Amino acid sequence: MTNKYLLPLLSAPLMLAACGSGGDGSPTEGEYKQTVKITELDFPGISEDVKERTIAQMEQAAGGGTGGLFCMKGGDNGQQWKEAAKQMSGALGGQCETIKDEGSATSLDLEMSCKGTAKGDINIVMTGQANPDGYDSTMSFDIKDPDSGETAKLAMNIGAERQGDCPS
């Protein structure tokens, strides 16, 4: 497996930027700074040098041109946690099935299985905890290459901290 499988998956953590609500212990409306830290990158045949460069590129791309800043809206009682999973499912393509969804307005506990995506079959586990000033979450991907049948792993910590009100 090569980088062609990694960078398209980077959009998945950014979809968590939509998470949050406010008034129920979850993140309040405002501008947040997102951080992404790759904790595992294990692709068959990837050299240590390529692995290190790929991790650096993915973490830098997660910050984007705005330094990882984004605005969250409030008042949806945590429904944006579920919306992030739907968006990820749509971005991956294939047939995605939710295996477990035990999250709430302030917690994320989700497992999904996507079959037949352009990147292969992907199993996704997302867990996290929100608070009025942000969230901390983890995401892991097990990706089975459709050509070789080999499995790759990608895992990351994703967090966000409230910076203040959204610019008007």
Protein backbone atom coordinates (compact mmCIF):
# COMPACT_ATOMS: atom_id res chain seq x y z
CA MET A 1 0.00 0.00 0.00
CA THR A 2 1.20 3.47 -0.77
CA ASN A 3 0.43 7.06 0.16
CA LYS A 4 -2.44 7.06 -2.33
CA TYR A 5 -4.43 5.30 0.40
CA LEU A 6 -3.41 7.66 3.19
CA LEU A 7 -4.04 11.21 2.10
CA PRO A 8 -7.66 10.69 1.00
CA LEU A 9 -8.37 9.31 4.48
CA LEU A 10 -7.17 12.57 6.00
CA SER A 11 -10.52 14.11 5.21
CA ALA A 12 -12.11 11.81 7.78
CA PRO A 13 -10.69 13.48 10.90
CA LEU A 14 -11.50 16.88 9.51
CA MET A 15 -15.14 15.85 9.38
CA LEU A 16 -15.06 15.65 13.15
CA ALA A 17 -14.73 19.42 13.00
CA ALA A 18 -18.48 19.41 12.55
CA CYS A 19 -18.96 17.83 15.98
CA GLY A 20 -20.37 19.75 18.87
CA SER A 21 -23.42 21.52 20.13
CA GLY A 22 -23.42 23.29 23.47
CA GLY A 23 -25.85 23.66 26.36
CA ASP A 24 -25.63 19.95 27.18
CA GLY A 25 -21.95 19.71 28.17
CA SER A 26 -20.75 19.41 24.60
CA PRO A 27 -18.64 22.11 22.91
CA THR A 28 -20.25 25.53 22.86
CA GLU A 29 -20.64 27.56 19.71
CA GLY A 30 -17.45 29.33 18.70
CA GLU A 31 -14.14 29.14 16.90
CA TYR A 32 -11.99 26.10 17.64
CA LYS A 33 -8.44 25.06 16.87
CA GLN A 34 -8.16 21.43 15.78
CA THR A 35 -5.13 19.25 16.38
CA VAL A 36 -4.40 15.89 14.76
CA LYS A 37 -1.67 13.54 15.97
CA ILE A 38 -1.01 10.34 14.02
CA THR A 39 -0.47 7.55 16.57
CA GLU A 40 -0.17 4.59 14.22
CA LEU A 41 0.75 4.21 10.58
CA ASP A 42 1.45 0.64 9.57
CA PHE A 43 1.25 -0.02 5.86
CA PRO A 44 2.85 -3.10 4.28
CA GLY A 45 6.12 -2.19 2.61
CA ILE A 46 6.31 1.40 3.84
CA SER A 47 9.82 2.45 4.78
CA GLU A 48 10.50 4.31 8.01
CA ASP A 49 11.54 7.41 6.05
CA VAL A 50 8.34 7.47 3.99
CA LYS A 51 6.31 6.75 7.13
CA GLU A 52 7.82 9.75 8.96
CA ARG A 53 7.29 12.08 5.98
CA THR A 54 3.72 10.87 5.52
CA ILE A 55 2.89 11.43 9.20
CA ALA A 56 4.34 14.95 9.03
CA GLN A 57 2.39 15.73 5.83
CA MET A 58 -0.88 14.41 7.26
CA GLU A 59 -0.53 16.29 10.54
CA GLN A 60 0.39 19.50 8.71
CA ALA A 61 -2.51 19.12 6.27
CA ALA A 62 -4.90 18.67 9.18
CA GLY A 63 -4.04 22.20 10.30
CA GLY A 64 -4.81 23.55 6.84
CA GLY A 65 -4.21 27.06 5.66
CA THR A 66 -6.17 28.51 8.58
CA GLY A 67 -4.01 26.85 11.22
CA GLY A 68 -6.69 24.29 12.05
CA LEU A 69 -9.30 26.93 12.96
CA PHE A 70 -12.99 26.28 12.31
CA CYS A 71 -16.35 27.40 13.70
CA MET A 72 -18.86 25.11 15.37
CA LYS A 73 -22.52 25.86 15.74
CA GLY A 74 -24.49 24.98 18.84
CA GLY A 75 -27.91 23.80 19.87
CA ASP A 76 -28.31 20.38 18.26
CA ASN A 77 -28.01 18.13 21.35
CA GLY A 78 -25.00 16.25 19.97
CA GLN A 79 -26.44 15.33 16.57
CA GLN A 80 -23.28 16.57 14.85
CA TRP A 81 -21.39 13.56 16.26
CA LYS A 82 -23.67 11.34 14.18
CA GLU A 83 -23.48 13.66 11.18
CA ALA A 84 -19.69 13.27 11.11
CA ALA A 85 -20.10 9.51 10.71
CA LYS A 86 -22.59 9.97 7.86
CA GLN A 87 -20.22 12.40 6.13
CA MET A 88 -17.33 9.98 6.51
CA SER A 89 -19.43 7.18 5.11
CA GLY A 90 -20.27 9.30 2.07
CA ALA A 91 -16.64 10.34 1.57
CA LEU A 92 -15.38 6.76 1.63
CA GLY A 93 -17.93 5.43 -0.82
CA GLY A 94 -18.81 1.78 -1.00
CA GLN A 95 -21.39 0.29 1.33
CA CYS A 96 -20.93 1.50 4.91
CA GLU A 97 -22.73 -0.06 7.84
CA THR A 98 -22.78 1.21 11.39
CA ILE A 99 -21.90 -1.70 13.64
CA LYS A 100 -22.00 0.16 16.95
CA ASP A 101 -23.30 3.62 17.87
CA GLU A 102 -23.38 4.17 21.60
CA GLY A 103 -22.46 7.83 21.61
CA SER A 104 -24.28 10.76 23.17
CA ALA A 105 -24.21 14.54 23.05
CA THR A 106 -20.83 14.45 24.84
CA SER A 107 -19.36 11.11 23.81
CA LEU A 108 -18.48 9.32 20.61
CA ASP A 109 -18.45 5.51 20.53
CA LEU A 110 -18.88 4.34 16.97
CA GLU A 111 -17.76 1.44 14.80
CA MET A 112 -18.35 1.29 11.06
CA SER A 113 -17.52 -1.16 8.31
CA CYS A 114 -17.27 0.03 4.72
CA LYS A 115 -17.06 -2.58 1.96
CA GLY A 116 -16.08 -1.97 -1.63
CA THR A 117 -14.54 1.50 -1.29
CA ALA A 118 -11.92 2.70 -3.76
CA LYS A 119 -9.36 2.16 -0.98
CA GLY A 120 -10.59 -1.35 -0.14
CA ASP A 121 -12.63 -2.60 2.79
CA ILE A 122 -12.28 -0.29 5.78
CA ASN A 123 -13.21 -0.82 9.41
CA ILE A 124 -13.39 2.39 11.45
CA VAL A 125 -13.53 2.87 15.21
CA MET A 126 -14.15 6.34 16.68
CA THR A 127 -14.25 7.19 20.38
CA GLY A 128 -14.18 10.54 22.07
CA GLN A 129 -15.31 12.83 24.81
CA ALA A 130 -16.53 16.41 24.49
CA ASN A 131 -16.70 19.24 27.00
CA PRO A 132 -17.86 22.87 26.76
CA ASP A 133 -14.40 24.01 25.60
CA GLY A 134 -13.61 21.29 23.04
CA TYR A 135 -13.21 17.58 22.48
CA ASP A 136 -10.66 14.79 22.43
CA SER A 137 -11.19 11.76 20.23
CA THR A 138 -9.43 8.83 18.61
CA MET A 139 -10.01 7.28 15.22
CA SER A 140 -8.56 4.08 13.86
CA PHE A 141 -8.80 2.58 10.40
CA ASP A 142 -8.07 -0.99 9.32
CA ILE A 143 -7.82 -0.94 5.53
CA LYS A 144 -7.73 -4.09 3.43
CA ASP A 145 -6.12 -3.41 0.04
CA PRO A 146 -8.39 -4.73 -2.74
CA ASP A 147 -5.42 -5.72 -4.91
CA SER A 148 -3.03 -7.40 -2.48
CA GLY A 149 -5.39 -8.36 0.34
CA GLU A 150 -2.90 -6.87 2.81
CA THR A 151 -4.17 -4.88 5.78
CA ALA A 152 -2.92 -1.43 6.71
CA LYS A 153 -3.57 0.48 9.92
CA LEU A 154 -3.95 4.18 10.57
CA ALA A 155 -4.84 5.71 13.94
CA MET A 156 -4.94 9.27 15.20
CA ASN A 157 -5.89 11.49 18.10
CA ILE A 158 -8.06 14.44 17.16
CA GLY A 159 -8.77 17.29 19.49
CA ALA A 160 -10.13 20.78 19.42
CA GLU A 161 -10.01 23.66 21.86
CA ARG A 162 -12.27 26.70 21.86
CA GLN A 163 -10.41 29.88 20.89
CA GLY A 164 -13.28 32.35 21.23
CA ASP A 165 -16.25 33.53 19.24
CA CYS A 166 -16.47 32.91 15.51
CA PRO A 167 -15.38 35.86 13.37
CA SER A 168 -18.36 37.74 12.00
